[in-house]
Amino acid sequence: MNSGALQDLGFDPRAMSGDEIVQHLDLRIGQVLEQIQHSEVWRAVTSADSPPELSREIVKEIYLEIVMYQPDVIEATIATIAQMPRSLPVELLDDMLHHQIEEFDHGEMALRDYVAMGGSEEYARNRPMSPSAFSIAAMWRMLCHSRDSFAYLGALYPFEGITPIITEKAKDALRGKGMQDETLSYVDFHSTEDKEHARMLRELIAKVADLYPEARERICYGLEYFLAIYPMPAWNAAMQRAMERHLKTAA
């Protein structure tokens, strides 16, 4: 009996098939999506009752979070993929690396939207990492440092499982708050592009979990490692910065 996994996860992933691992990940993402839609930050961004200025400032700060953590996430992820077993079928390695190629410039995409909303590019590129962004970067670097390559697949799931759904739900509300197309390129892109990424990732995880039984537990742990610090801690930090600035402006 795997007592550690039972205590941390509530079940033993080693007894599950690849498809069952994916079903579990989807269940957890569904739970997180429900949490997001009942959160203060979601209400502040999308509610008709929240000030449009505050909504826009929160989105602007979320963009800044992405700018701060994304380069480290990409670098650490590529290095972690390189630690996969050498018996891994090359076509699966190609899928993993190709996905990172497609993600490579998304920090720059967020930066362009941040600047279009009035943010300073110089400030964004040179300010110290926020504690929340640092925590995200540190988690991904720890996967690389500990050579926990299979866990990266589970950790990646919140990015690809949550982003397309949340951006699709939010984009009309954001336009209703006065955000223009040039400030929503990141949102618009991810509301469609990440649907394909999520499909690819589901297939990839199922295949890897069936090929390597030892990967099943690590994939599930990877998901929980990342959910401990993303998305709500990062988004709450962004909202706190936005609210402080909004209150100063309104005073």
C-alpha atoms as a PDB file:
ATOM      1  CA  MET A   1       0.000   0.000   0.000  1.00  0.00           C
ATOM      2  CA  ASN A   2       1.339   3.413  -0.948  1.00  0.00           C
ATOM      3  CA  SER A   3       0.650   5.252   2.311  1.00  0.00           C
ATOM      4  CA  GLY A   4       2.307   8.510   1.200  1.00  0.00           C
ATOM      5  CA  ALA A   5       0.154   8.871  -1.901  1.00  0.00           C
ATOM      6  CA  LEU A   6      -2.954   7.847   0.009  1.00  0.00           C
ATOM      7  CA  GLN A   7      -2.305  10.585   2.559  1.00  0.00           C
ATOM      8  CA  ASP A   8      -1.367  13.287   0.051  1.00  0.00           C
ATOM      9  CA  LEU A   9      -3.649  12.428  -2.863  1.00  0.00           C
ATOM     10  CA  GLY A  10      -6.366  10.290  -1.315  1.00  0.00           C
ATOM     11  CA  PHE A  11      -5.748   7.349  -3.655  1.00  0.00           C
ATOM     12  CA  ASP A  12      -2.969   5.203  -5.104  1.00  0.00           C
ATOM     13  CA  PRO A  13      -2.231   6.258  -8.704  1.00  0.00           C
ATOM     14  CA  ARG A  14      -0.164   3.147  -9.310  1.00  0.00           C
ATOM     15  CA  ALA A  15      -3.359   1.092  -9.617  1.00  0.00           C
ATOM     16  CA  MET A  16      -4.763   3.339 -12.374  1.00  0.00           C
ATOM     17  CA  SER A  17      -4.515   3.225 -16.154  1.00  0.00           C
ATOM     18  CA  GLY A  18      -3.354   6.150 -18.259  1.00  0.00           C
ATOM     19  CA  ASP A  19      -6.933   7.076 -19.125  1.00  0.00           C
ATOM     20  CA  GLU A  20      -7.901   6.949 -15.457  1.00  0.00           C
ATOM     21  CA  ILE A  21      -5.020   9.278 -14.589  1.00  0.00           C
ATOM     22  CA  VAL A  22      -6.319  11.772 -17.165  1.00  0.00           C
ATOM     23  CA  GLN A  23      -9.847  11.460 -15.771  1.00  0.00           C
ATOM     24  CA  HIS A  24      -8.503  12.298 -12.322  1.00  0.00           C
ATOM     25  CA  LEU A  25      -6.649  15.338 -13.649  1.00  0.00           C
ATOM     26  CA  ASP A  26      -9.815  16.561 -15.366  1.00  0.00           C
ATOM     27  CA  LEU A  27     -11.773  16.094 -12.159  1.00  0.00           C
ATOM     28  CA  ARG A  28      -9.266  18.202 -10.226  1.00  0.00           C
ATOM     29  CA  ILE A  29      -9.291  20.900 -12.896  1.00  0.00           C
ATOM     30  CA  GLY A  30     -13.088  20.997 -12.694  1.00  0.00           C
ATOM     31  CA  GLN A  31     -12.842  21.521  -8.941  1.00  0.00           C
ATOM     32  CA  VAL A  32     -10.356  24.352  -9.393  1.00  0.00           C
ATOM     33  CA  LEU A  33     -12.524  26.009 -12.055  1.00  0.00           C
ATOM     34  CA  GLU A  34     -15.437  25.998  -9.635  1.00  0.00           C
ATOM     35  CA  GLN A  35     -13.209  27.543  -6.966  1.00  0.00           C
ATOM     36  CA  ILE A  36     -12.069  30.243  -9.384  1.00  0.00           C
ATOM     37  CA  GLN A  37     -15.606  31.199 -10.361  1.00  0.00           C
ATOM     38  CA  HIS A  38     -16.542  31.646  -6.707  1.00  0.00           C
ATOM     39  CA  SER A  39     -13.420  33.652  -5.883  1.00  0.00           C
ATOM     40  CA  GLU A  40     -13.115  37.331  -5.085  1.00  0.00           C
ATOM     41  CA  VAL A  41     -10.723  37.936  -7.945  1.00  0.00           C
ATOM     42  CA  TRP A  42     -13.128  36.427 -10.493  1.00  0.00           C
ATOM     43  CA  ARG A  43     -15.989  38.578  -9.208  1.00  0.00           C
ATOM     44  CA  ALA A  44     -13.764  41.664  -9.291  1.00  0.00           C
ATOM     45  CA  VAL A  45     -12.767  41.016 -12.892  1.00  0.00           C
ATOM     46  CA  THR A  46     -16.085  39.907 -14.401  1.00  0.00           C
ATOM     47  CA  SER A  47     -18.932  41.233 -12.246  1.00  0.00           C
ATOM     48  CA  ALA A  48     -21.014  44.067 -13.661  1.00  0.00           C
ATOM     49  CA  ASP A  49     -20.928  45.606 -10.193  1.00  0.00           C
ATOM     50  CA  SER A  50     -17.136  45.922  -9.962  1.00  0.00           C
ATOM     51  CA  PRO A  51     -15.487  49.156 -11.157  1.00  0.00           C
ATOM     52  CA  PRO A  52     -14.187  48.755 -14.727  1.00  0.00           C
ATOM     53  CA  GLU A  53     -10.947  50.504 -13.743  1.00  0.00           C
ATOM     54  CA  LEU A  54     -10.297  47.891 -11.053  1.00  0.00           C
ATOM     55  CA  SER A  55     -11.096  45.005 -13.407  1.00  0.00           C
ATOM     56  CA  ARG A  56      -8.644  46.318 -15.968  1.00  0.00           C
ATOM     57  CA  GLU A  57      -5.931  46.863 -13.366  1.00  0.00           C
ATOM     58  CA  ILE A  58      -6.279  43.280 -12.118  1.00  0.00           C
ATOM     59  CA  VAL A  59      -5.914  41.873 -15.632  1.00  0.00           C
ATOM     60  CA  LYS A  60      -2.941  44.157 -16.192  1.00  0.00           C
ATOM     61  CA  GLU A  61      -1.260  42.787 -13.064  1.00  0.00           C
ATOM     62  CA  ILE A  62      -2.016  39.198 -14.088  1.00  0.00           C
ATOM     63  CA  TYR A  63      -0.226  39.935 -17.357  1.00  0.00           C
ATOM     64  CA  LEU A  64       2.721  41.202 -15.322  1.00  0.00           C
ATOM     65  CA  GLU A  65       2.795  37.969 -13.311  1.00  0.00           C
ATOM     66  CA  ILE A  66       3.042  36.013 -16.575  1.00  0.00           C
ATOM     67  CA  VAL A  67       5.866  38.246 -17.798  1.00  0.00           C
ATOM     68  CA  MET A  68       7.795  37.601 -14.592  1.00  0.00           C
ATOM     69  CA  TYR A  69       7.501  33.811 -14.334  1.00  0.00           C
ATOM     70  CA  GLN A  70       7.176  32.609 -17.925  1.00  0.00           C
ATOM     71  CA  PRO A  71      10.846  32.626 -19.028  1.00  0.00           C
ATOM     72  CA  ASP A  72      11.900  30.497 -16.053  1.00  0.00           C
ATOM     73  CA  VAL A  73       9.006  28.086 -16.570  1.00  0.00           C
ATOM     74  CA  ILE A  74       9.990  27.510 -20.208  1.00  0.00           C
ATOM     75  CA  GLU A  75      13.690  27.091 -19.427  1.00  0.00           C
ATOM     76  CA  ALA A  76      13.082  24.676 -16.560  1.00  0.00           C
ATOM     77  CA  THR A  77      10.496  22.696 -18.511  1.00  0.00           C
ATOM     78  CA  ILE A  78      12.768  22.141 -21.494  1.00  0.00           C
ATOM     79  CA  ALA A  79      15.551  20.968 -19.175  1.00  0.00           C
ATOM     80  CA  THR A  80      13.131  18.654 -17.350  1.00  0.00           C
ATOM     81  CA  ILE A  81      11.936  17.139 -20.626  1.00  0.00           C
ATOM     82  CA  ALA A  82      15.582  16.394 -21.438  1.00  0.00           C
ATOM     83  CA  GLN A  83      15.709  14.227 -18.288  1.00  0.00           C
ATOM     84  CA  MET A  84      13.030  11.835 -19.576  1.00  0.00           C
ATOM     85  CA  PRO A  85      14.034   8.167 -19.839  1.00  0.00           C
ATOM     86  CA  ARG A  86      16.055   7.481 -22.958  1.00  0.00           C
ATOM     87  CA  SER A  87      13.584   4.710 -23.727  1.00  0.00           C
ATOM     88  CA  LEU A  88      10.866   7.317 -24.267  1.00  0.00           C
ATOM     89  CA  PRO A  89       9.521   7.063 -27.838  1.00  0.00           C
ATOM     90  CA  VAL A  90      11.015   9.908 -29.843  1.00  0.00           C
ATOM     91  CA  GLU A  91       7.617  11.015 -31.148  1.00  0.00           C
ATOM     92  CA  LEU A  92       6.491  11.710 -27.571  1.00  0.00           C
ATOM     93  CA  LEU A  93       9.629  13.730 -26.902  1.00  0.00           C
ATOM     94  CA  ASP A  94       8.906  15.658 -30.080  1.00  0.00           C
ATOM     95  CA  ASP A  95       5.368  16.448 -28.830  1.00  0.00           C
ATOM     96  CA  MET A  96       6.742  17.717 -25.520  1.00  0.00           C
ATOM     97  CA  LEU A  97       9.379  19.942 -27.075  1.00  0.00           C
ATOM     98  CA  HIS A  98       7.114  21.198 -29.850  1.00  0.00           C
ATOM     99  CA  HIS A  99       4.631  22.324 -27.234  1.00  0.00           C
ATOM    100  CA  GLN A 100       7.329  24.341 -25.480  1.00  0.00           C
ATOM    101  CA  ILE A 101       8.310  25.928 -28.789  1.00  0.00           C
ATOM    102  CA  GLU A 102       4.726  27.103 -29.178  1.00  0.00           C
ATOM    103  CA  GLU A 103       4.785  28.496 -25.617  1.00  0.00           C
ATOM    104  CA  PHE A 104       8.202  30.140 -25.936  1.00  0.00           C
ATOM    105  CA  ASP A 105       7.110  33.724 -26.638  1.00  0.00           C
ATOM    106  CA  HIS A 106       3.916  33.868 -24.587  1.00  0.00           C
ATOM    107  CA  GLY A 107       5.582  35.981 -21.933  1.00  0.00           C
ATOM    108  CA  GLU A 108       6.253  38.523 -24.678  1.00  0.00           C
ATOM    109  CA  MET A 109       2.617  38.292 -25.735  1.00  0.00           C
ATOM    110  CA  ALA A 110       1.541  39.101 -22.184  1.00  0.00           C
ATOM    111  CA  LEU A 111       4.070  41.948 -22.093  1.00  0.00           C
ATOM    112  CA  ARG A 112       2.615  43.524 -25.227  1.00  0.00           C
ATOM    113  CA  ASP A 113      -0.863  43.482 -23.703  1.00  0.00           C
ATOM    114  CA  TYR A 114       0.529  44.861 -20.439  1.00  0.00           C
ATOM    115  CA  VAL A 115       2.144  47.762 -22.286  1.00  0.00           C
ATOM    116  CA  ALA A 116      -1.032  48.349 -24.327  1.00  0.00           C
ATOM    117  CA  MET A 117      -2.839  48.789 -21.005  1.00  0.00           C
ATOM    118  CA  GLY A 118      -0.425  51.518 -19.965  1.00  0.00           C
ATOM    119  CA  GLY A 119       2.261  49.444 -18.281  1.00  0.00           C
ATOM    120  CA  SER A 120       5.956  50.193 -18.631  1.00  0.00           C
ATOM    121  CA  GLU A 121       8.029  47.672 -20.570  1.00  0.00           C
ATOM    122  CA  GLU A 122      11.197  48.802 -18.803  1.00  0.00           C
ATOM    123  CA  TYR A 123       9.540  48.326 -15.412  1.00  0.00           C
ATOM    124  CA  ALA A 124       8.164  44.888 -16.318  1.00  0.00           C
ATOM    125  CA  ARG A 125      11.523  43.628 -17.598  1.00  0.00           C
ATOM    126  CA  ASN A 126      13.589  44.963 -14.704  1.00  0.00           C
ATOM    127  CA  ARG A 127      11.479  44.883 -11.553  1.00  0.00           C
ATOM    128  CA  PRO A 128      12.214  42.139  -9.010  1.00  0.00           C
ATOM    129  CA  MET A 129      10.041  39.067  -9.293  1.00  0.00           C
ATOM    130  CA  SER A 130       6.934  39.226  -7.161  1.00  0.00           C
ATOM    131  CA  PRO A 131       6.902  36.571  -4.409  1.00  0.00           C
ATOM    132  CA  SER A 132       4.077  34.751  -6.200  1.00  0.00           C
ATOM    133  CA  ALA A 133       5.901  34.726  -9.548  1.00  0.00           C
ATOM    134  CA  PHE A 134       9.103  33.630  -7.806  1.00  0.00           C
ATOM    135  CA  SER A 135       7.223  30.718  -6.210  1.00  0.00           C
ATOM    136  CA  ILE A 136       5.963  29.582  -9.613  1.00  0.00           C
ATOM    137  CA  ALA A 137       9.420  29.826 -11.176  1.00  0.00           C
ATOM    138  CA  ALA A 138      10.952  28.043  -8.182  1.00  0.00           C
ATOM    139  CA  MET A 139       8.518  25.126  -8.385  1.00  0.00           C
ATOM    140  CA  TRP A 140       9.336  24.516 -12.032  1.00  0.00           C
ATOM    141  CA  ARG A 141      13.057  24.793 -11.394  1.00  0.00           C
ATOM    142  CA  MET A 142      12.692  22.334  -8.497  1.00  0.00           C
ATOM    143  CA  LEU A 143      11.176  19.769 -10.873  1.00  0.00           C
ATOM    144  CA  CYS A 144      14.337  20.098 -12.946  1.00  0.00           C
ATOM    145  CA  HIS A 145      16.665  20.109  -9.926  1.00  0.00           C
ATOM    146  CA  SER A 146      15.070  16.971  -8.466  1.00  0.00           C
ATOM    147  CA  ARG A 147      14.949  15.322 -11.916  1.00  0.00           C
ATOM    148  CA  ASP A 148      11.206  14.766 -11.473  1.00  0.00           C
ATOM    149  CA  SER A 149      10.549  14.646 -15.196  1.00  0.00           C
ATOM    150  CA  PHE A 150       7.224  12.819 -15.126  1.00  0.00           C
ATOM    151  CA  ALA A 151       5.807  15.311 -12.636  1.00  0.00           C
ATOM    152  CA  TYR A 152       6.147  18.075 -15.217  1.00  0.00           C
ATOM    153  CA  LEU A 153       3.271  16.518 -17.195  1.00  0.00           C
ATOM    154  CA  GLY A 154       0.910  16.863 -14.252  1.00  0.00           C
ATOM    155  CA  ALA A 155       2.182  20.320 -13.372  1.00  0.00           C
ATOM    156  CA  LEU A 156       1.564  21.445 -16.951  1.00  0.00           C
ATOM    157  CA  TYR A 157      -2.072  20.418 -16.783  1.00  0.00           C
ATOM    158  CA  PRO A 158      -3.384  23.534 -14.962  1.00  0.00           C
ATOM    159  CA  PHE A 159      -1.849  25.780 -17.627  1.00  0.00           C
ATOM    160  CA  GLU A 160      -3.511  23.905 -20.475  1.00  0.00           C
ATOM    161  CA  GLY A 161      -6.642  22.728 -18.682  1.00  0.00           C
ATOM    162  CA  ILE A 162      -7.673  25.970 -16.977  1.00  0.00           C
ATOM    163  CA  THR A 163      -6.495  28.722 -19.327  1.00  0.00           C
ATOM    164  CA  PRO A 164      -8.719  28.065 -22.382  1.00  0.00           C
ATOM    165  CA  ILE A 165     -11.853  27.736 -20.262  1.00  0.00           C
ATOM    166  CA  ILE A 166     -11.220  30.803 -18.105  1.00  0.00           C
ATOM    167  CA  THR A 167     -10.159  33.029 -20.985  1.00  0.00           C
ATOM    168  CA  GLU A 168     -13.224  31.993 -23.000  1.00  0.00           C
ATOM    169  CA  LYS A 169     -15.501  32.785 -20.066  1.00  0.00           C
ATOM    170  CA  ALA A 170     -13.798  36.104 -19.291  1.00  0.00           C
ATOM    171  CA  LYS A 171     -13.191  37.736 -22.666  1.00  0.00           C
ATOM    172  CA  ASP A 172     -16.693  39.113 -23.264  1.00  0.00           C
ATOM    173  CA  ALA A 173     -16.835  40.486 -19.723  1.00  0.00           C
ATOM    174  CA  LEU A 174     -13.443  42.140 -20.216  1.00  0.00           C
ATOM    175  CA  ARG A 175     -14.589  43.836 -23.395  1.00  0.00           C
ATOM    176  CA  GLY A 176     -17.641  44.976 -21.456  1.00  0.00           C
ATOM    177  CA  LYS A 177     -15.222  46.590 -19.014  1.00  0.00           C
ATOM    178  CA  GLY A 178     -13.744  48.660 -21.824  1.00  0.00           C
ATOM    179  CA  MET A 179     -10.717  46.527 -22.699  1.00  0.00           C
ATOM    180  CA  GLN A 180      -9.791  46.858 -26.384  1.00  0.00           C
ATOM    181  CA  ASP A 181      -8.607  44.166 -28.780  1.00  0.00           C
ATOM    182  CA  GLU A 182      -4.965  45.274 -28.493  1.00  0.00           C
ATOM    183  CA  THR A 183      -5.053  44.526 -24.753  1.00  0.00           C
ATOM    184  CA  LEU A 184      -6.689  41.105 -25.132  1.00  0.00           C
ATOM    185  CA  SER A 185      -4.440  39.315 -27.621  1.00  0.00           C
ATOM    186  CA  TYR A 186      -3.217  36.964 -24.874  1.00  0.00           C
ATOM    187  CA  VAL A 187      -6.774  36.204 -23.744  1.00  0.00           C
ATOM    188  CA  ASP A 188      -8.144  35.749 -27.263  1.00  0.00           C
ATOM    189  CA  PHE A 189      -5.234  33.545 -28.355  1.00  0.00           C
ATOM    190  CA  HIS A 190      -5.384  31.226 -25.364  1.00  0.00           C
ATOM    191  CA  SER A 191      -9.162  30.843 -25.479  1.00  0.00           C
ATOM    192  CA  THR A 192      -8.720  28.898 -28.721  1.00  0.00           C
ATOM    193  CA  GLU A 193      -5.098  27.715 -29.012  1.00  0.00           C
ATOM    194  CA  ASP A 194      -4.950  26.008 -25.624  1.00  0.00           C
ATOM    195  CA  LYS A 195      -7.907  23.761 -26.465  1.00  0.00           C
ATOM    196  CA  GLU A 196      -5.634  21.907 -28.871  1.00  0.00           C
ATOM    197  CA  HIS A 197      -2.809  21.947 -26.337  1.00  0.00           C
ATOM    198  CA  ALA A 198      -5.108  20.408 -23.727  1.00  0.00           C
ATOM    199  CA  ARG A 199      -6.139  17.648 -26.138  1.00  0.00           C
ATOM    200  CA  MET A 200      -2.507  16.914 -26.996  1.00  0.00           C
ATOM    201  CA  LEU A 201      -1.538  16.858 -23.328  1.00  0.00           C
ATOM    202  CA  ARG A 202      -4.307  14.414 -22.414  1.00  0.00           C
ATOM    203  CA  GLU A 203      -3.134  11.984 -25.081  1.00  0.00           C
ATOM    204  CA  LEU A 204       0.491  12.440 -24.066  1.00  0.00           C
ATOM    205  CA  ILE A 205      -0.173  11.815 -20.373  1.00  0.00           C
ATOM    206  CA  ALA A 206      -2.239   8.697 -21.056  1.00  0.00           C
ATOM    207  CA  LYS A 207       0.496   7.252 -23.268  1.00  0.00           C
ATOM    208  CA  VAL A 208       3.324   8.031 -20.834  1.00  0.00           C
ATOM    209  CA  ALA A 209       1.373   6.690 -17.847  1.00  0.00           C
ATOM    210  CA  ASP A 210       0.706   3.421 -19.654  1.00  0.00           C
ATOM    211  CA  LEU A 211       4.318   3.078 -20.838  1.00  0.00           C
ATOM    212  CA  TYR A 212       5.842   3.922 -17.447  1.00  0.00           C
ATOM    213  CA  PRO A 213       3.788   2.795 -14.431  1.00  0.00           C
ATOM    214  CA  GLU A 214       6.140   4.740 -12.148  1.00  0.00           C
ATOM    215  CA  ALA A 215       5.039   7.936 -13.908  1.00  0.00           C
ATOM    216  CA  ARG A 216       1.440   7.722 -12.686  1.00  0.00           C
ATOM    217  CA  GLU A 217       2.113   8.848  -9.141  1.00  0.00           C
ATOM    218  CA  ARG A 218       4.565  11.538 -10.222  1.00  0.00           C
ATOM    219  CA  ILE A 219       2.064  13.005 -12.713  1.00  0.00           C
ATOM    220  CA  CYS A 220      -0.565  13.293  -9.981  1.00  0.00           C
ATOM    221  CA  TYR A 221       1.914  14.838  -7.560  1.00  0.00           C
ATOM    222  CA  GLY A 222       3.033  17.306 -10.215  1.00  0.00           C
ATOM    223  CA  LEU A 223      -0.525  18.559 -10.573  1.00  0.00           C
ATOM    224  CA  GLU A 224      -0.851  19.121  -6.831  1.00  0.00           C
ATOM    225  CA  TYR A 225       2.563  20.768  -6.576  1.00  0.00           C
ATOM    226  CA  PHE A 226       1.487  23.413  -9.052  1.00  0.00           C
ATOM    227  CA  LEU A 227      -2.077  23.851  -7.802  1.00  0.00           C
ATOM    228  CA  ALA A 228      -0.611  24.732  -4.401  1.00  0.00           C
ATOM    229  CA  ILE A 229       0.743  27.969  -5.893  1.00  0.00           C
ATOM    230  CA  TYR A 230      -1.257  28.489  -9.108  1.00  0.00           C
ATOM    231  CA  PRO A 231      -3.577  29.981 -10.190  1.00  0.00           C
ATOM    232  CA  MET A 232      -5.236  31.496  -7.131  1.00  0.00           C
ATOM    233  CA  PRO A 233      -2.128  32.639  -5.169  1.00  0.00           C
ATOM    234  CA  ALA A 234      -0.737  34.424  -8.240  1.00  0.00           C
ATOM    235  CA  TRP A 235      -4.082  35.958  -9.182  1.00  0.00           C
ATOM    236  CA  ASN A 236      -4.760  37.056  -5.608  1.00  0.00           C
ATOM    237  CA  ALA A 237      -1.364  38.752  -5.507  1.00  0.00           C
ATOM    238  CA  ALA A 238      -2.184  40.534  -8.764  1.00  0.00           C
ATOM    239  CA  MET A 239      -5.530  41.656  -7.359  1.00  0.00           C
ATOM    240  CA  GLN A 240      -3.892  42.987  -4.189  1.00  0.00           C
ATOM    241  CA  ARG A 241      -1.486  45.141  -6.183  1.00  0.00           C
ATOM    242  CA  ALA A 242      -4.318  46.367  -8.401  1.00  0.00           C
ATOM    243  CA  MET A 243      -6.569  47.197  -5.465  1.00  0.00           C
ATOM    244  CA  GLU A 244      -3.848  49.168  -3.706  1.00  0.00           C
ATOM    245  CA  ARG A 245      -3.276  51.244  -6.828  1.00  0.00           C
ATOM    246  CA  HIS A 246      -7.023  51.643  -7.435  1.00  0.00           C
ATOM    247  CA  LEU A 247      -7.621  52.893  -3.901  1.00  0.00           C
ATOM    248  CA  LYS A 248      -4.775  55.404  -4.168  1.00  0.00           C
ATOM    249  CA  THR A 249      -6.178  56.698  -7.461  1.00  0.00           C
ATOM    250  CA  ALA A 250      -9.700  56.962  -6.070  1.00  0.00           C
ATOM    251  CA  ALA A 251      -8.556  58.762  -2.897  1.00  0.00           C
END
